[in-house]
Amino acid sequence: MEKNLLIVDDDPINLRLFSIIADQHGWSYETAADGFKVEELLKNNAYEVMLLDIQLPGINGYGLLEKIKSAGL
């Protein structure tokens, strides 16, 4: 069963690390480095799992989760 992940982190090293792990397991994934891109991706795609960094620039992970919840995404 293919897993569809959303990997959210502003650190390019962490994004690369999680991407390598996803590739090794055969999972499909998309990456985002900020909350604005996450909102855009969630409006157009469904994900089984989201790996979310809490300390993001602009809107932090907690604020982003609240926006996602209130928007029904």
PDB file of N, CA and C in Angstrom:
ATOM      1  N   MET A   1       0.845  -1.184   0.000  1.00  0.00           N
ATOM      2  CA  MET A   1       0.000   0.000   0.000  1.00  0.00           C
ATOM      3  C   MET A   1       0.886   1.241   0.000  1.00  0.00           C
ATOM      4  N   GLU A   2       0.679   2.104  -0.961  1.00  0.00           N
ATOM      5  CA  GLU A   2       1.489   3.312  -1.065  1.00  0.00           C
ATOM      6  C   GLU A   2       1.056   4.339  -0.024  1.00  0.00           C
ATOM      7  N   LYS A   3       2.034   4.896   0.669  1.00  0.00           N
ATOM      8  CA  LYS A   3       1.778   5.941   1.659  1.00  0.00           C
ATOM      9  C   LYS A   3       2.054   7.287   1.018  1.00  0.00           C
ATOM     10  N   ASN A   4       1.214   8.251   1.293  1.00  0.00           N
ATOM     11  CA  ASN A   4       1.387   9.592   0.770  1.00  0.00           C
ATOM     12  C   ASN A   4       1.679  10.520   1.943  1.00  0.00           C
ATOM     13  N   LEU A   5       2.897  11.053   1.987  1.00  0.00           N
ATOM     14  CA  LEU A   5       3.355  11.874   3.103  1.00  0.00           C
ATOM     15  C   LEU A   5       3.488  13.331   2.700  1.00  0.00           C
ATOM     16  N   LEU A   6       3.310  14.203   3.677  1.00  0.00           N
ATOM     17  CA  LEU A   6       3.658  15.608   3.532  1.00  0.00           C
ATOM     18  C   LEU A   6       4.731  15.896   4.570  1.00  0.00           C
ATOM     19  N   ILE A   7       5.902  16.291   4.107  1.00  0.00           N
ATOM     20  CA  ILE A   7       7.041  16.564   4.982  1.00  0.00           C
ATOM     21  C   ILE A   7       7.217  18.074   5.049  1.00  0.00           C
ATOM     22  N   VAL A   8       7.105  18.630   6.267  1.00  0.00           N
ATOM     23  CA  VAL A   8       7.156  20.079   6.442  1.00  0.00           C
ATOM     24  C   VAL A   8       8.292  20.439   7.385  1.00  0.00           C
ATOM     25  N   ASP A   9       9.288  21.132   6.854  1.00  0.00           N
ATOM     26  CA  ASP A   9      10.424  21.570   7.669  1.00  0.00           C
ATOM     27  C   ASP A   9      11.138  22.683   6.922  1.00  0.00           C
ATOM     28  N   ASP A  10      11.580  23.701   7.636  1.00  0.00           N
ATOM     29  CA  ASP A  10      12.301  24.794   6.989  1.00  0.00           C
ATOM     30  C   ASP A  10      13.796  24.512   6.873  1.00  0.00           C
ATOM     31  N   ASP A  11      14.259  23.443   7.478  1.00  0.00           N
ATOM     32  CA  ASP A  11      15.671  23.067   7.410  1.00  0.00           C
ATOM     33  C   ASP A  11      15.873  22.128   6.219  1.00  0.00           C
ATOM     34  N   PRO A  12      16.637  22.550   5.208  1.00  0.00           N
ATOM     35  CA  PRO A  12      16.811  21.702   4.024  1.00  0.00           C
ATOM     36  C   PRO A  12      17.475  20.360   4.320  1.00  0.00           C
ATOM     37  N   ILE A  13      18.294  20.303   5.353  1.00  0.00           N
ATOM     38  CA  ILE A  13      18.924  19.025   5.719  1.00  0.00           C
ATOM     39  C   ILE A  13      17.870  18.043   6.216  1.00  0.00           C
ATOM     40  N   ASN A  14      16.960  18.520   7.067  1.00  0.00           N
ATOM     41  CA  ASN A  14      15.884  17.651   7.557  1.00  0.00           C
ATOM     42  C   ASN A  14      14.966  17.213   6.422  1.00  0.00           C
ATOM     43  N   LEU A  15      14.646  18.135   5.518  1.00  0.00           N
ATOM     44  CA  LEU A  15      13.810  17.764   4.370  1.00  0.00           C
ATOM     45  C   LEU A  15      14.473  16.659   3.559  1.00  0.00           C
ATOM     46  N   ARG A  16      15.756  16.789   3.337  1.00  0.00           N
ATOM     47  CA  ARG A  16      16.493  15.780   2.563  1.00  0.00           C
ATOM     48  C   ARG A  16      16.525  14.442   3.297  1.00  0.00           C
ATOM     49  N   LEU A  17      16.776  14.482   4.607  1.00  0.00           N
ATOM     50  CA  LEU A  17      16.828  13.261   5.406  1.00  0.00           C
ATOM     51  C   LEU A  17      15.498  12.509   5.354  1.00  0.00           C
ATOM     52  N   PHE A  18      14.392  13.212   5.605  1.00  0.00           N
ATOM     53  CA  PHE A  18      13.085  12.561   5.581  1.00  0.00           C
ATOM     54  C   PHE A  18      12.724  12.095   4.169  1.00  0.00           C
ATOM     55  N   SER A  19      13.166  12.827   3.154  1.00  0.00           N
ATOM     56  CA  SER A  19      12.931  12.411   1.769  1.00  0.00           C
ATOM     57  C   SER A  19      13.663  11.111   1.454  1.00  0.00           C
ATOM     58  N   ILE A  20      14.893  10.996   1.925  1.00  0.00           N
ATOM     59  CA  ILE A  20      15.664   9.763   1.718  1.00  0.00           C
ATOM     60  C   ILE A  20      14.964   8.580   2.385  1.00  0.00           C
ATOM     61  N   ILE A  21      14.503   8.778   3.608  1.00  0.00           N
ATOM     62  CA  ILE A  21      13.800   7.709   4.329  1.00  0.00           C
ATOM     63  C   ILE A  21      12.532   7.303   3.575  1.00  0.00           C
ATOM     64  N   ALA A  22      11.767   8.293   3.108  1.00  0.00           N
ATOM     65  CA  ALA A  22      10.545   7.998   2.355  1.00  0.00           C
ATOM     66  C   ALA A  22      10.872   7.233   1.075  1.00  0.00           C
ATOM     67  N   ASP A  23      11.926   7.658   0.380  1.00  0.00           N
ATOM     68  CA  ASP A  23      12.343   6.955  -0.841  1.00  0.00           C
ATOM     69  C   ASP A  23      12.711   5.502  -0.550  1.00  0.00           C
ATOM     70  N   GLN A  24      13.437   5.275   0.539  1.00  0.00           N
ATOM     71  CA  GLN A  24      13.862   3.918   0.895  1.00  0.00           C
ATOM     72  C   GLN A  24      12.678   3.001   1.179  1.00  0.00           C
ATOM     73  N   HIS A  25      11.570   3.581   1.647  1.00  0.00           N
ATOM     74  CA  HIS A  25      10.386   2.781   1.950  1.00  0.00           C
ATOM     75  C   HIS A  25       9.373   2.761   0.802  1.00  0.00           C
ATOM     76  N   GLY A  26       9.693   3.448  -0.280  1.00  0.00           N
ATOM     77  CA  GLY A  26       8.799   3.459  -1.430  1.00  0.00           C
ATOM     78  C   GLY A  26       7.568   4.322  -1.252  1.00  0.00           C
ATOM     79  N   TRP A  27       7.622   5.281  -0.345  1.00  0.00           N
ATOM     80  CA  TRP A  27       6.479   6.159  -0.089  1.00  0.00           C
ATOM     81  C   TRP A  27       6.522   7.354  -1.024  1.00  0.00           C
ATOM     82  N   SER A  28       5.376   7.806  -1.450  1.00  0.00           N
ATOM     83  CA  SER A  28       5.321   9.053  -2.210  1.00  0.00           C
ATOM     84  C   SER A  28       5.216  10.193  -1.200  1.00  0.00           C
ATOM     85  N   TYR A  29       5.740  11.343  -1.572  1.00  0.00           N
ATOM     86  CA  TYR A  29       5.757  12.460  -0.626  1.00  0.00           C
ATOM     87  C   TYR A  29       5.894  13.778  -1.362  1.00  0.00           C
ATOM     88  N   GLU A  30       5.518  14.818  -0.666  1.00  0.00           N
ATOM     89  CA  GLU A  30       5.776  16.181  -1.106  1.00  0.00           C
ATOM     90  C   GLU A  30       6.389  16.899   0.079  1.00  0.00           C
ATOM     91  N   THR A  31       7.132  17.958  -0.215  1.00  0.00           N
ATOM     92  CA  THR A  31       7.781  18.713   0.847  1.00  0.00           C
ATOM     93  C   THR A  31       7.332  20.163   0.810  1.00  0.00           C
ATOM     94  N   ALA A  32       7.394  20.775   1.974  1.00  0.00           N
ATOM     95  CA  ALA A  32       7.098  22.201   2.105  1.00  0.00           C
ATOM     96  C   ALA A  32       8.020  22.778   3.169  1.00  0.00           C
ATOM     97  N   ALA A  33       8.471  24.002   2.932  1.00  0.00           N
ATOM     98  CA  ALA A  33       9.381  24.652   3.875  1.00  0.00           C
ATOM     99  C   ALA A  33       8.695  25.722   4.707  1.00  0.00           C
ATOM    100  N   ASP A  34       7.408  25.976   4.453  1.00  0.00           N
ATOM    101  CA  ASP A  34       6.683  26.969   5.252  1.00  0.00           C
ATOM    102  C   ASP A  34       5.192  26.651   5.264  1.00  0.00           C
ATOM    103  N   GLY A  35       4.498  27.287   6.191  1.00  0.00           N
ATOM    104  CA  GLY A  35       3.076  27.023   6.371  1.00  0.00           C
ATOM    105  C   GLY A  35       2.210  27.425   5.198  1.00  0.00           C
ATOM    106  N   PHE A  36       2.617  28.444   4.468  1.00  0.00           N
ATOM    107  CA  PHE A  36       1.820  28.898   3.331  1.00  0.00           C
ATOM    108  C   PHE A  36       1.767  27.840   2.233  1.00  0.00           C
ATOM    109  N   LYS A  37       2.885  27.185   1.992  1.00  0.00           N
ATOM    110  CA  LYS A  37       2.915  26.108   0.994  1.00  0.00           C
ATOM    111  C   LYS A  37       2.079  24.921   1.474  1.00  0.00           C
ATOM    112  N   VAL A  38       2.098  24.654   2.784  1.00  0.00           N
ATOM    113  CA  VAL A  38       1.304  23.552   3.341  1.00  0.00           C
ATOM    114  C   VAL A  38      -0.175  23.778   3.066  1.00  0.00           C
ATOM    115  N   GLU A  39      -0.651  24.987   3.333  1.00  0.00           N
ATOM    116  CA  GLU A  39      -2.064  25.292   3.093  1.00  0.00           C
ATOM    117  C   GLU A  39      -2.426  25.060   1.628  1.00  0.00           C
ATOM    118  N   GLU A  40      -1.567  25.496   0.729  1.00  0.00           N
ATOM    119  CA  GLU A  40      -1.794  25.318  -0.707  1.00  0.00           C
ATOM    120  C   GLU A  40      -1.854  23.834  -1.071  1.00  0.00           C
ATOM    121  N   LEU A  41      -0.908  23.057  -0.553  1.00  0.00           N
ATOM    122  CA  LEU A  41      -0.869  21.622  -0.857  1.00  0.00           C
ATOM    123  C   LEU A  41      -2.088  20.896  -0.298  1.00  0.00           C
ATOM    124  N   LEU A  42      -2.507  21.245   0.920  1.00  0.00           N
ATOM    125  CA  LEU A  42      -3.635  20.554   1.542  1.00  0.00           C
ATOM    126  C   LEU A  42      -4.962  20.852   0.850  1.00  0.00           C
ATOM    127  N   LYS A  43      -5.058  21.982   0.193  1.00  0.00           N
ATOM    128  CA  LYS A  43      -6.286  22.306  -0.538  1.00  0.00           C
ATOM    129  C   LYS A  43      -6.455  21.421  -1.771  1.00  0.00           C
ATOM    130  N   ASN A  44      -5.336  20.914  -2.290  1.00  0.00           N
ATOM    131  CA  ASN A  44      -5.377  20.165  -3.545  1.00  0.00           C
ATOM    132  C   ASN A  44      -5.005  18.690  -3.433  1.00  0.00           C
ATOM    133  N   ASN A  45      -4.573  18.247  -2.252  1.00  0.00           N
ATOM    134  CA  ASN A  45      -4.081  16.879  -2.092  1.00  0.00           C
ATOM    135  C   ASN A  45      -4.509  16.303  -0.746  1.00  0.00           C
ATOM    136  N   ALA A  46      -4.538  14.982  -0.680  1.00  0.00           N
ATOM    137  CA  ALA A  46      -4.813  14.283   0.579  1.00  0.00           C
ATOM    138  C   ALA A  46      -3.552  13.524   0.986  1.00  0.00           C
ATOM    139  N   TYR A  47      -3.256  13.533   2.270  1.00  0.00           N
ATOM    140  CA  TYR A  47      -2.070  12.858   2.797  1.00  0.00           C
ATOM    141  C   TYR A  47      -2.475  11.956   3.951  1.00  0.00           C
ATOM    142  N   GLU A  48      -1.827  10.796   4.033  1.00  0.00           N
ATOM    143  CA  GLU A  48      -2.060   9.902   5.166  1.00  0.00           C
ATOM    144  C   GLU A  48      -1.304  10.385   6.400  1.00  0.00           C
ATOM    145  N   VAL A  49      -0.125  10.964   6.179  1.00  0.00           N
ATOM    146  CA  VAL A  49       0.735  11.385   7.289  1.00  0.00           C
ATOM    147  C   VAL A  49       1.360  12.733   6.950  1.00  0.00           C
ATOM    148  N   MET A  50       1.456  13.591   7.969  1.00  0.00           N
ATOM    149  CA  MET A  50       2.185  14.843   7.819  1.00  0.00           C
ATOM    150  C   MET A  50       3.238  14.912   8.914  1.00  0.00           C
ATOM    151  N   LEU A  51       4.503  15.031   8.511  1.00  0.00           N
ATOM    152  CA  LEU A  51       5.595  15.269   9.454  1.00  0.00           C
ATOM    153  C   LEU A  51       5.769  16.775   9.517  1.00  0.00           C
ATOM    154  N   LEU A  52       5.499  17.367  10.677  1.00  0.00           N
ATOM    155  CA  LEU A  52       5.425  18.824  10.792  1.00  0.00           C
ATOM    156  C   LEU A  52       6.412  19.356  11.811  1.00  0.00           C
ATOM    157  N   ASP A  53       7.313  20.203  11.356  1.00  0.00           N
ATOM    158  CA  ASP A  53       8.223  20.922  12.240  1.00  0.00           C
ATOM    159  C   ASP A  53       7.407  21.965  13.003  1.00  0.00           C
ATOM    160  N   ILE A  54       7.634  22.078  14.287  1.00  0.00           N
ATOM    161  CA  ILE A  54       6.897  23.032  15.106  1.00  0.00           C
ATOM    162  C   ILE A  54       7.451  24.447  14.951  1.00  0.00           C
ATOM    163  N   GLN A  55       8.753  24.578  14.750  1.00  0.00           N
ATOM    164  CA  GLN A  55       9.386  25.894  14.660  1.00  0.00           C
ATOM    165  C   GLN A  55       9.587  26.296  13.204  1.00  0.00           C
ATOM    166  N   LEU A  56       8.505  26.752  12.581  1.00  0.00           N
ATOM    167  CA  LEU A  56       8.554  27.209  11.200  1.00  0.00           C
ATOM    168  C   LEU A  56       8.574  28.732  11.162  1.00  0.00           C
ATOM    169  N   PRO A  57       9.143  29.311  10.115  1.00  0.00           N
ATOM    170  CA  PRO A  57       9.083  30.769   9.987  1.00  0.00           C
ATOM    171  C   PRO A  57       7.670  31.212   9.608  1.00  0.00           C
ATOM    172  N   GLY A  58       7.306  32.398  10.008  1.00  0.00           N
ATOM    173  CA  GLY A  58       5.979  32.930   9.683  1.00  0.00           C
ATOM    174  C   GLY A  58       4.940  32.417  10.652  1.00  0.00           C
ATOM    175  N   ILE A  59       4.378  31.276  10.363  1.00  0.00           N
ATOM    176  CA  ILE A  59       3.405  30.644  11.259  1.00  0.00           C
ATOM    177  C   ILE A  59       4.038  29.354  11.779  1.00  0.00           C
ATOM    178  N   ASN A  60       4.026  29.184  13.105  1.00  0.00           N
ATOM    179  CA  ASN A  60       4.657  27.979  13.660  1.00  0.00           C
ATOM    180  C   ASN A  60       3.746  26.768  13.464  1.00  0.00           C
ATOM    181  N   GLY A  61       4.258  25.610  13.787  1.00  0.00           N
ATOM    182  CA  GLY A  61       3.522  24.374  13.576  1.00  0.00           C
ATOM    183  C   GLY A  61       2.200  24.308  14.324  1.00  0.00           C
ATOM    184  N   TYR A  62       2.175  24.832  15.551  1.00  0.00           N
ATOM    185  CA  TYR A  62       0.932  24.824  16.325  1.00  0.00           C
ATOM    186  C   TYR A  62      -0.123  25.712  15.664  1.00  0.00           C
ATOM    187  N   GLY A  63       0.296  26.899  15.246  1.00  0.00           N
ATOM    188  CA  GLY A  63      -0.629  27.804  14.561  1.00  0.00           C
ATOM    189  C   GLY A  63      -1.132  27.211  13.257  1.00  0.00           C
ATOM    190  N   LEU A  64      -0.248  26.540  12.561  1.00  0.00           N
ATOM    191  CA  LEU A  64      -0.625  25.899  11.303  1.00  0.00           C
ATOM    192  C   LEU A  64      -1.648  24.792  11.542  1.00  0.00           C
ATOM    193  N   LEU A  65      -1.449  23.994  12.580  1.00  0.00           N
ATOM    194  CA  LEU A  65      -2.417  22.939  12.903  1.00  0.00           C
ATOM    195  C   LEU A  65      -3.790  23.524  13.220  1.00  0.00           C
ATOM    196  N   GLU A  66      -3.819  24.641  13.937  1.00  0.00           N
ATOM    197  CA  GLU A  66      -5.097  25.301  14.243  1.00  0.00           C
ATOM    198  C   GLU A  66      -5.786  25.770  12.964  1.00  0.00           C
ATOM    199  N   LYS A  67      -5.014  26.353  12.038  1.00  0.00           N
ATOM    200  CA  LYS A  67      -5.590  26.802  10.766  1.00  0.00           C
ATOM    201  C   LYS A  67      -6.130  25.626   9.963  1.00  0.00           C
ATOM    202  N   ILE A  68      -5.388  24.534   9.939  1.00  0.00           N
ATOM    203  CA  ILE A  68      -5.819  23.342   9.208  1.00  0.00           C
ATOM    204  C   ILE A  68      -7.119  22.811   9.800  1.00  0.00           C
ATOM    205  N   LYS A  69      -7.170  22.756  11.115  1.00  0.00           N
ATOM    206  CA  LYS A  69      -8.364  22.244  11.801  1.00  0.00           C
ATOM    207  C   LYS A  69      -9.571  23.143  11.541  1.00  0.00           C
ATOM    208  N   SER A  70      -9.392  24.451  11.679  1.00  0.00           N
ATOM    209  CA  SER A  70     -10.525  25.363  11.512  1.00  0.00           C
ATOM    210  C   SER A  70     -10.993  25.438  10.055  1.00  0.00           C
ATOM    211  N   ALA A  71     -10.083  25.212   9.107  1.00  0.00           N
ATOM    212  CA  ALA A  71     -10.447  25.234   7.686  1.00  0.00           C
ATOM    213  C   ALA A  71     -11.003  23.891   7.209  1.00  0.00           C
ATOM    214  N   GLY A  72     -10.921  22.878   8.053  1.00  0.00           N
ATOM    215  CA  GLY A  72     -11.412  21.561   7.672  1.00  0.00           C
ATOM    216  C   GLY A  72     -10.538  20.862   6.643  1.00  0.00           C
ATOM    217  N   LEU A  73      -9.263  21.220   6.628  1.00  0.00           N
ATOM    218  CA  LEU A  73      -8.348  20.596   5.673  1.00  0.00           C
ATOM    219  C   LEU A  73      -7.811  19.319   6.254  1.00  0.00           C
TER     220      LEU A  73
END
